[in-house]
Amino acid sequence: MQTKRLRLVLRIWAVIFALGAIDFFVFPYLTVRILNSTAKSLGMHEVTALNGGQDFWLTLAVPYMILVAAFSWVAQRGPHIQAQPVQFLMLAKASSSLTSLALFLLGGFAYPFLANFVVDGAIFLITYWLYRAARSELVFPAQ
């Protein structure tokens, strides 16, 4: 049962992250505007929308989303869930969440950073909780 839950969540993550890659590539300005639109109502700062020089970061954000989608998809393929791609997914989401928290705290309390801290932190915690519950049934790489 625990493995089925983890498999389902990994499939959901794969779809969400793939859609995130498309969103980051096709609608980066709209995404920032949507996040900024809620900042003032929460008493927080906005982040500056991307400009020509900052578009460079899309070359990193889009592949990141593709990788986390791939980790999620590869992990759950086959009869048994592979532990290592799940570990890589958790590492990526923990890193993203903590980086966002640092940028939120050090960069003037911009809401989009807080939102990403919460979302990626939740993804990490949900995945970790299900991973720990299914750990005995996962396939680990040969040493």
N, C-alpha and C. Protein backbone atom coordinates (compact mmCIF):
# COMPACT_ATOMS: atom_id res chain seq x y z
N MET A 1 0.83 -1.21 0.00
CA MET A 1 0.00 0.00 0.00
C MET A 1 0.86 1.26 0.00
N GLN A 2 1.93 1.26 0.80
CA GLN A 2 2.80 2.44 0.86
C GLN A 2 3.48 2.68 -0.48
N THR A 3 3.86 1.59 -1.14
CA THR A 3 4.50 1.72 -2.45
C THR A 3 3.52 2.28 -3.47
N LYS A 4 2.29 1.86 -3.40
CA LYS A 4 1.27 2.37 -4.33
C LYS A 4 1.07 3.87 -4.15
N ARG A 5 1.07 4.32 -2.91
CA ARG A 5 0.92 5.76 -2.64
C ARG A 5 2.12 6.54 -3.19
N LEU A 6 3.31 6.03 -2.93
CA LEU A 6 4.51 6.70 -3.44
C LEU A 6 4.51 6.71 -4.96
N ARG A 7 4.14 5.59 -5.59
CA ARG A 7 4.09 5.52 -7.06
C ARG A 7 3.11 6.56 -7.61
N LEU A 8 1.93 6.67 -6.99
CA LEU A 8 0.93 7.64 -7.43
C LEU A 8 1.46 9.06 -7.31
N VAL A 9 2.05 9.39 -6.16
CA VAL A 9 2.58 10.74 -5.97
C VAL A 9 3.70 11.03 -6.96
N LEU A 10 4.56 10.06 -7.23
CA LEU A 10 5.63 10.27 -8.20
C LEU A 10 5.07 10.54 -9.60
N ARG A 11 4.02 9.84 -9.97
CA ARG A 11 3.37 10.09 -11.27
C ARG A 11 2.77 11.49 -11.31
N ILE A 12 2.13 11.89 -10.22
CA ILE A 12 1.56 13.24 -10.15
C ILE A 12 2.67 14.28 -10.26
N TRP A 13 3.77 14.08 -9.51
CA TRP A 13 4.89 15.03 -9.58
C TRP A 13 5.43 15.11 -11.00
N ALA A 14 5.58 13.97 -11.67
CA ALA A 14 6.13 13.98 -13.03
C ALA A 14 5.30 14.88 -13.95
N VAL A 15 3.99 14.78 -13.85
CA VAL A 15 3.11 15.61 -14.68
C VAL A 15 3.22 17.08 -14.28
N ILE A 16 3.16 17.35 -13.00
CA ILE A 16 3.23 18.74 -12.53
C ILE A 16 4.55 19.38 -12.92
N PHE A 17 5.66 18.66 -12.75
CA PHE A 17 6.98 19.23 -13.08
C PHE A 17 7.14 19.42 -14.58
N ALA A 18 6.61 18.50 -15.38
CA ALA A 18 6.67 18.67 -16.83
C ALA A 18 5.88 19.91 -17.25
N LEU A 19 4.70 20.09 -16.66
CA LEU A 19 3.91 21.29 -16.93
C LEU A 19 4.63 22.54 -16.44
N GLY A 20 5.34 22.43 -15.32
CA GLY A 20 6.14 23.54 -14.82
C GLY A 20 7.23 23.94 -15.79
N ALA A 21 7.88 22.95 -16.41
CA ALA A 21 8.92 23.25 -17.41
C ALA A 21 8.32 24.01 -18.58
N ILE A 22 7.15 23.58 -19.02
CA ILE A 22 6.48 24.27 -20.12
C ILE A 22 6.11 25.69 -19.70
N ASP A 23 5.57 25.82 -18.49
CA ASP A 23 5.19 27.13 -17.97
C ASP A 23 6.40 28.06 -17.90
N PHE A 24 7.50 27.58 -17.33
CA PHE A 24 8.70 28.41 -17.20
C PHE A 24 9.21 28.85 -18.56
N PHE A 25 9.10 27.98 -19.55
CA PHE A 25 9.63 28.30 -20.87
C PHE A 25 8.70 29.23 -21.66
N VAL A 26 7.40 28.94 -21.59
CA VAL A 26 6.43 29.66 -22.43
C VAL A 26 5.88 30.92 -21.74
N PHE A 27 5.68 30.85 -20.44
CA PHE A 27 5.02 31.95 -19.72
C PHE A 27 5.82 32.49 -18.54
N PRO A 28 7.13 32.70 -18.66
CA PRO A 28 7.88 33.13 -17.47
C PRO A 28 7.43 34.48 -16.93
N TYR A 29 7.08 35.41 -17.78
CA TYR A 29 6.67 36.75 -17.33
C TYR A 29 5.31 36.69 -16.65
N LEU A 30 4.40 35.92 -17.23
CA LEU A 30 3.06 35.77 -16.66
C LEU A 30 3.14 35.10 -15.28
N THR A 31 3.97 34.10 -15.15
CA THR A 31 4.12 33.40 -13.87
C THR A 31 4.58 34.36 -12.78
N VAL A 32 5.58 35.19 -13.09
CA VAL A 32 6.07 36.16 -12.11
C VAL A 32 4.97 37.18 -11.79
N ARG A 33 4.24 37.64 -12.81
CA ARG A 33 3.15 38.61 -12.56
C ARG A 33 2.07 38.03 -11.65
N ILE A 34 1.73 36.77 -11.86
CA ILE A 34 0.70 36.12 -11.04
C ILE A 34 1.17 36.04 -9.58
N LEU A 35 2.41 35.62 -9.38
CA LEU A 35 2.94 35.55 -8.02
C LEU A 35 3.01 36.94 -7.39
N ASN A 36 3.45 37.92 -8.17
CA ASN A 36 3.54 39.30 -7.65
C ASN A 36 2.18 39.87 -7.32
N SER A 37 1.15 39.45 -8.03
CA SER A 37 -0.18 40.03 -7.80
C SER A 37 -0.71 39.75 -6.40
N THR A 38 -0.24 38.70 -5.77
CA THR A 38 -0.69 38.38 -4.42
C THR A 38 0.24 38.94 -3.34
N ALA A 39 1.40 39.42 -3.74
CA ALA A 39 2.39 39.88 -2.76
C ALA A 39 1.89 41.05 -1.92
N LYS A 40 1.33 42.06 -2.57
CA LYS A 40 0.91 43.26 -1.84
C LYS A 40 -0.20 42.95 -0.85
N SER A 41 -1.13 42.09 -1.24
CA SER A 41 -2.23 41.77 -0.32
C SER A 41 -1.73 41.04 0.92
N LEU A 42 -0.57 40.44 0.82
CA LEU A 42 0.03 39.75 1.97
C LEU A 42 1.06 40.62 2.68
N GLY A 43 1.21 41.88 2.22
CA GLY A 43 2.15 42.80 2.85
C GLY A 43 3.60 42.48 2.55
N MET A 44 3.84 41.86 1.41
CA MET A 44 5.20 41.48 1.04
C MET A 44 5.62 42.18 -0.24
N HIS A 45 6.89 42.09 -0.54
CA HIS A 45 7.44 42.71 -1.74
C HIS A 45 7.26 41.81 -2.95
N GLU A 46 7.32 42.44 -4.11
CA GLU A 46 7.30 41.72 -5.37
C GLU A 46 8.74 41.45 -5.79
N VAL A 47 8.88 40.55 -6.76
CA VAL A 47 10.19 40.38 -7.39
C VAL A 47 10.14 41.06 -8.74
N THR A 48 11.27 41.50 -9.20
CA THR A 48 11.33 42.14 -10.51
C THR A 48 11.09 41.09 -11.58
N ALA A 49 10.23 41.43 -12.52
CA ALA A 49 9.97 40.50 -13.62
C ALA A 49 11.24 40.30 -14.42
N LEU A 50 11.30 39.17 -15.08
CA LEU A 50 12.47 38.87 -15.88
C LEU A 50 12.68 39.91 -16.97
N ASN A 51 13.92 40.20 -17.24
CA ASN A 51 14.25 41.03 -18.39
C ASN A 51 15.25 40.27 -19.25
N GLY A 52 15.73 40.89 -20.28
CA GLY A 52 16.62 40.21 -21.22
C GLY A 52 17.80 39.52 -20.56
N GLY A 53 18.46 40.17 -19.61
CA GLY A 53 19.61 39.57 -18.96
C GLY A 53 19.25 38.42 -18.04
N GLN A 54 18.07 38.52 -17.43
CA GLN A 54 17.67 37.47 -16.50
C GLN A 54 17.07 36.26 -17.20
N ASP A 55 16.72 36.39 -18.46
CA ASP A 55 16.19 35.25 -19.20
C ASP A 55 17.18 34.09 -19.23
N PHE A 56 18.45 34.40 -19.03
CA PHE A 56 19.46 33.36 -18.96
C PHE A 56 19.09 32.29 -17.94
N TRP A 57 18.48 32.70 -16.82
CA TRP A 57 18.15 31.75 -15.76
C TRP A 57 17.10 30.75 -16.20
N LEU A 58 16.35 31.09 -17.24
CA LEU A 58 15.39 30.12 -17.77
C LEU A 58 16.10 28.90 -18.35
N THR A 59 17.34 29.10 -18.81
CA THR A 59 18.10 27.96 -19.33
C THR A 59 18.47 26.98 -18.21
N LEU A 60 18.36 27.42 -16.97
CA LEU A 60 18.59 26.54 -15.83
C LEU A 60 17.28 26.06 -15.22
N ALA A 61 16.28 26.92 -15.17
CA ALA A 61 15.00 26.56 -14.54
C ALA A 61 14.24 25.51 -15.34
N VAL A 62 14.19 25.67 -16.65
CA VAL A 62 13.45 24.72 -17.48
C VAL A 62 14.09 23.33 -17.39
N PRO A 63 15.40 23.20 -17.58
CA PRO A 63 16.00 21.86 -17.45
C PRO A 63 15.85 21.28 -16.04
N TYR A 64 15.88 22.12 -15.01
CA TYR A 64 15.65 21.63 -13.64
C TYR A 64 14.27 20.97 -13.55
N MET A 65 13.26 21.62 -14.08
CA MET A 65 11.91 21.05 -14.02
C MET A 65 11.83 19.76 -14.84
N ILE A 66 12.53 19.72 -15.96
CA ILE A 66 12.55 18.49 -16.75
C ILE A 66 13.23 17.36 -15.96
N LEU A 67 14.33 17.69 -15.28
CA LEU A 67 15.01 16.67 -14.48
C LEU A 67 14.16 16.15 -13.34
N VAL A 68 13.50 17.03 -12.59
CA VAL A 68 12.69 16.52 -11.48
C VAL A 68 11.49 15.72 -12.00
N ALA A 69 10.98 16.10 -13.17
CA ALA A 69 9.92 15.29 -13.80
C ALA A 69 10.48 13.91 -14.16
N ALA A 70 11.70 13.89 -14.72
CA ALA A 70 12.33 12.62 -15.10
C ALA A 70 12.62 11.77 -13.87
N PHE A 71 13.14 12.38 -12.81
CA PHE A 71 13.38 11.61 -11.57
C PHE A 71 12.09 10.95 -11.10
N SER A 72 11.01 11.71 -11.11
CA SER A 72 9.72 11.19 -10.65
C SER A 72 9.23 10.05 -11.54
N TRP A 73 9.38 10.23 -12.85
CA TRP A 73 8.88 9.23 -13.79
C TRP A 73 9.73 7.96 -13.74
N VAL A 74 11.04 8.10 -13.80
CA VAL A 74 11.94 6.95 -13.82
C VAL A 74 11.82 6.14 -12.52
N ALA A 75 11.68 6.82 -11.41
CA ALA A 75 11.61 6.14 -10.12
C ALA A 75 10.45 5.15 -10.06
N GLN A 76 9.33 5.50 -10.64
CA GLN A 76 8.13 4.68 -10.48
C GLN A 76 7.88 3.70 -11.62
N ARG A 77 8.73 3.73 -12.66
CA ARG A 77 8.58 2.78 -13.76
C ARG A 77 8.94 1.38 -13.29
N GLY A 78 8.36 0.41 -13.91
CA GLY A 78 8.70 -0.97 -13.59
C GLY A 78 7.95 -1.50 -12.39
N PRO A 79 8.23 -2.74 -12.04
CA PRO A 79 7.49 -3.38 -10.95
C PRO A 79 7.84 -2.84 -9.56
N HIS A 80 9.04 -2.30 -9.41
CA HIS A 80 9.46 -1.78 -8.11
C HIS A 80 9.95 -0.35 -8.25
N ILE A 81 9.71 0.45 -7.23
CA ILE A 81 10.16 1.85 -7.24
C ILE A 81 11.66 1.89 -6.96
N GLN A 82 12.35 2.65 -7.78
CA GLN A 82 13.79 2.83 -7.63
C GLN A 82 14.04 3.94 -6.60
N ALA A 83 14.84 3.65 -5.59
CA ALA A 83 15.07 4.60 -4.51
C ALA A 83 15.91 5.80 -4.95
N GLN A 84 16.93 5.57 -5.76
CA GLN A 84 17.87 6.65 -6.06
C GLN A 84 17.24 7.85 -6.77
N PRO A 85 16.40 7.66 -7.79
CA PRO A 85 15.77 8.86 -8.39
C PRO A 85 14.88 9.60 -7.40
N VAL A 86 14.25 8.88 -6.47
CA VAL A 86 13.44 9.55 -5.44
C VAL A 86 14.35 10.38 -4.53
N GLN A 87 15.50 9.85 -4.19
CA GLN A 87 16.46 10.58 -3.37
C GLN A 87 16.93 11.85 -4.09
N PHE A 88 17.20 11.73 -5.40
CA PHE A 88 17.61 12.90 -6.18
C PHE A 88 16.49 13.94 -6.24
N LEU A 89 15.26 13.47 -6.39
CA LEU A 89 14.11 14.39 -6.38
C LEU A 89 14.03 15.12 -5.04
N MET A 90 14.17 14.40 -3.95
CA MET A 90 14.10 15.04 -2.63
C MET A 90 15.25 16.03 -2.43
N LEU A 91 16.43 15.68 -2.91
CA LEU A 91 17.57 16.59 -2.82
C LEU A 91 17.29 17.88 -3.61
N ALA A 92 16.76 17.74 -4.81
CA ALA A 92 16.45 18.91 -5.64
C ALA A 92 15.40 19.79 -4.98
N LYS A 93 14.37 19.20 -4.43
CA LYS A 93 13.29 19.99 -3.83
C LYS A 93 13.72 20.62 -2.51
N ALA A 94 14.51 19.91 -1.72
CA ALA A 94 15.02 20.49 -0.48
C ALA A 94 15.95 21.66 -0.80
N SER A 95 16.81 21.49 -1.81
CA SER A 95 17.73 22.57 -2.21
C SER A 95 16.97 23.78 -2.72
N SER A 96 15.98 23.54 -3.55
CA SER A 96 15.17 24.63 -4.10
C SER A 96 14.43 25.36 -2.99
N SER A 97 13.85 24.61 -2.07
CA SER A 97 13.10 25.21 -0.98
C SER A 97 14.00 26.06 -0.09
N LEU A 98 15.15 25.52 0.29
CA LEU A 98 16.04 26.25 1.20
C LEU A 98 16.68 27.46 0.51
N THR A 99 16.97 27.34 -0.79
CA THR A 99 17.48 28.50 -1.54
C THR A 99 16.43 29.59 -1.57
N SER A 100 15.19 29.21 -1.79
CA SER A 100 14.10 30.19 -1.80
C SER A 100 13.93 30.86 -0.45
N LEU A 101 14.06 30.09 0.62
CA LEU A 101 13.97 30.67 1.96
C LEU A 101 15.08 31.69 2.18
N ALA A 102 16.29 31.33 1.78
CA ALA A 102 17.41 32.26 1.93
C ALA A 102 17.18 33.54 1.13
N LEU A 103 16.70 33.40 -0.11
CA LEU A 103 16.44 34.59 -0.93
C LEU A 103 15.29 35.41 -0.36
N PHE A 104 14.31 34.75 0.22
CA PHE A 104 13.21 35.47 0.87
C PHE A 104 13.73 36.28 2.05
N LEU A 105 14.52 35.66 2.89
CA LEU A 105 15.02 36.34 4.10
C LEU A 105 16.07 37.40 3.79
N LEU A 106 16.93 37.13 2.82
CA LEU A 106 18.02 38.05 2.52
C LEU A 106 17.68 39.06 1.43
N GLY A 107 16.61 38.81 0.71
CA GLY A 107 16.29 39.65 -0.45
C GLY A 107 15.09 40.55 -0.29
N GLY A 108 14.70 40.86 0.94
CA GLY A 108 13.62 41.82 1.13
C GLY A 108 12.24 41.23 1.25
N PHE A 109 12.11 39.95 1.59
CA PHE A 109 10.81 39.32 1.83
C PHE A 109 9.89 39.34 0.61
N ALA A 110 10.44 38.99 -0.53
CA ALA A 110 9.64 38.92 -1.76
C ALA A 110 8.78 37.66 -1.74
N TYR A 111 7.49 37.83 -1.90
CA TYR A 111 6.53 36.74 -1.79
C TYR A 111 6.83 35.55 -2.70
N PRO A 112 7.19 35.72 -3.97
CA PRO A 112 7.43 34.54 -4.80
C PRO A 112 8.47 33.58 -4.21
N PHE A 113 9.46 34.11 -3.50
CA PHE A 113 10.45 33.24 -2.85
C PHE A 113 9.81 32.45 -1.71
N LEU A 114 8.95 33.12 -0.95
CA LEU A 114 8.25 32.43 0.14
C LEU A 114 7.33 31.35 -0.43
N ALA A 115 6.62 31.67 -1.50
CA ALA A 115 5.72 30.70 -2.13
C ALA A 115 6.50 29.47 -2.58
N ASN A 116 7.65 29.68 -3.21
CA ASN A 116 8.44 28.53 -3.67
C ASN A 116 9.00 27.73 -2.49
N PHE A 117 9.40 28.42 -1.42
CA PHE A 117 9.86 27.73 -0.22
C PHE A 117 8.76 26.80 0.30
N VAL A 118 7.54 27.30 0.38
CA VAL A 118 6.43 26.51 0.91
C VAL A 118 6.08 25.36 -0.03
N VAL A 119 5.95 25.64 -1.33
CA VAL A 119 5.55 24.60 -2.28
C VAL A 119 6.61 23.51 -2.39
N ASP A 120 7.86 23.89 -2.64
CA ASP A 120 8.89 22.87 -2.78
C ASP A 120 9.18 22.18 -1.45
N GLY A 121 9.05 22.91 -0.35
CA GLY A 121 9.19 22.27 0.96
C GLY A 121 8.10 21.23 1.18
N ALA A 122 6.88 21.54 0.80
CA ALA A 122 5.77 20.59 0.93
C ALA A 122 6.00 19.37 0.04
N ILE A 123 6.46 19.60 -1.19
CA ILE A 123 6.76 18.48 -2.09
C ILE A 123 7.83 17.58 -1.46
N PHE A 124 8.88 18.20 -0.92
CA PHE A 124 9.92 17.42 -0.25
C PHE A 124 9.34 16.61 0.91
N LEU A 125 8.57 17.27 1.79
CA LEU A 125 8.05 16.58 2.98
C LEU A 125 7.08 15.45 2.62
N ILE A 126 6.19 15.68 1.68
CA ILE A 126 5.25 14.64 1.25
C ILE A 126 6.01 13.45 0.67
N THR A 127 6.97 13.75 -0.21
CA THR A 127 7.73 12.68 -0.84
C THR A 127 8.56 11.93 0.19
N TYR A 128 9.19 12.66 1.11
CA TYR A 128 10.01 12.02 2.16
C TYR A 128 9.15 11.12 3.04
N TRP A 129 7.99 11.59 3.43
CA TRP A 129 7.09 10.82 4.28
C TRP A 129 6.69 9.51 3.59
N LEU A 130 6.32 9.59 2.30
CA LEU A 130 5.93 8.39 1.56
C LEU A 130 7.13 7.49 1.29
N TYR A 131 8.27 8.09 1.02
CA TYR A 131 9.51 7.34 0.80
C TYR A 131 9.87 6.53 2.04
N ARG A 132 9.84 7.17 3.19
CA ARG A 132 10.17 6.47 4.45
C ARG A 132 9.20 5.32 4.71
N ALA A 133 7.93 5.55 4.44
CA ALA A 133 6.92 4.51 4.68
C ALA A 133 7.11 3.31 3.75
N ALA A 134 7.56 3.55 2.53
CA ALA A 134 7.73 2.48 1.53
C ALA A 134 9.16 1.97 1.44
N ARG A 135 10.05 2.48 2.26
CA ARG A 135 11.49 2.20 2.15
C ARG A 135 11.83 0.72 2.04
N SER A 136 11.17 -0.12 2.79
CA SER A 136 11.50 -1.55 2.78
C SER A 136 11.16 -2.22 1.44
N GLU A 137 10.32 -1.60 0.64
CA GLU A 137 9.91 -2.18 -0.63
C GLU A 137 10.64 -1.56 -1.83
N LEU A 138 11.50 -0.56 -1.60
CA LEU A 138 12.19 0.12 -2.68
C LEU A 138 13.43 -0.64 -3.13
N VAL A 139 13.83 -0.39 -4.38
CA VAL A 139 15.03 -1.01 -4.92
C VAL A 139 16.15 0.02 -4.84
N PHE A 140 17.23 -0.38 -4.18
CA PHE A 140 18.40 0.49 -4.02
C PHE A 140 19.49 0.02 -4.97
N PRO A 141 20.35 0.95 -5.45
CA PRO A 141 21.41 0.53 -6.37
C PRO A 141 22.39 -0.42 -5.68
N ALA A 142 22.95 -1.31 -6.48
CA ALA A 142 23.95 -2.26 -5.96
C ALA A 142 25.18 -1.49 -5.50
N GLN A 143 25.74 -1.89 -4.42
CA GLN A 143 26.93 -1.21 -3.88
C GLN A 143 28.18 -1.69 -4.54
